Amino acid sequence: MDTGGDAHEPVGVGDPLDEWLAGQLPKAKTVPFASSGHAPFSEEPDRFNEGLGNFAS
């Protein structure tokens, strides 16, 4: 699971590395967190835990 915090990015700009990495790994998925910076597990814990649960199942 690649979590991308977008809070410090200009609106509409994601991290191209996130998309590239997801394209290189089988079954990978990028999960953007628009209201987080570097710690989505702390800044958006409910959404992070949902994404982690989906990834682990």
Protein backbone atom coordinates (compact mmCIF):
# COMPACT_ATOMS: atom_id res chain seq x y z
CA MET A 1 0.00 0.00 0.00
CA ASP A 2 1.46 3.34 -1.05
CA THR A 3 -0.04 6.22 0.91
CA GLY A 4 0.27 9.65 -0.61
CA GLY A 5 -0.23 12.73 1.54
CA ASP A 6 -1.35 15.61 -0.67
CA ALA A 7 -1.77 18.36 1.93
CA HIS A 8 1.52 20.00 0.94
CA GLU A 9 1.06 19.63 -2.84
CA PRO A 10 -0.53 22.26 -5.09
CA VAL A 11 -4.20 21.52 -5.83
CA GLY A 12 -4.54 18.85 -8.52
CA VAL A 13 -0.90 17.79 -8.35
CA GLY A 14 -0.11 14.35 -7.00
CA ASP A 15 3.23 12.63 -6.71
CA PRO A 16 4.17 11.03 -10.05
CA LEU A 17 6.38 8.59 -8.16
CA ASP A 18 3.30 7.19 -6.38
CA GLU A 19 1.63 6.37 -9.70
CA TRP A 20 4.83 4.98 -11.19
CA LEU A 21 5.43 2.74 -8.17
CA ALA A 22 1.85 1.43 -8.25
CA GLY A 23 2.32 0.60 -11.94
CA GLN A 24 5.44 -1.46 -11.20
CA LEU A 25 4.01 -3.68 -8.48
CA PRO A 26 1.38 -6.38 -9.00
CA LYS A 27 -1.89 -5.60 -7.22
CA ALA A 28 -0.57 -2.24 -5.97
CA LYS A 29 -2.92 0.65 -5.36
CA THR A 30 -2.19 4.28 -4.55
CA VAL A 31 -4.34 5.72 -1.77
CA PRO A 32 -4.24 9.53 -1.73
CA PHE A 33 -4.85 11.42 1.51
CA ALA A 34 -5.85 14.97 0.61
CA SER A 35 -5.81 16.26 4.21
CA SER A 36 -2.51 14.70 5.28
CA GLY A 37 1.15 15.46 4.91
CA HIS A 38 3.70 12.82 5.87
CA ALA A 39 1.66 10.99 8.52
CA PRO A 40 -1.75 9.93 7.17
CA PHE A 41 -1.94 7.23 9.88
CA SER A 42 -2.04 10.06 12.44
CA GLU A 43 -3.81 12.82 10.51
CA GLU A 44 -6.58 10.69 8.94
CA PRO A 45 -6.58 7.51 11.07
CA ASP A 46 -10.06 6.24 10.12
CA ARG A 47 -9.39 6.52 6.39
CA PHE A 48 -5.89 5.08 6.80
CA ASN A 49 -7.17 2.09 8.77
CA GLU A 50 -9.87 1.46 6.15
CA GLY A 51 -7.27 1.49 3.38
CA LEU A 52 -4.93 -0.74 5.35
CA GLY A 53 -7.76 -3.19 6.06
CA ASN A 54 -8.66 -3.33 2.37
CA PHE A 55 -4.99 -3.89 1.48
CA ALA A 56 -4.53 -6.68 4.02
CA SER A 57 -7.67 -8.60 3.08
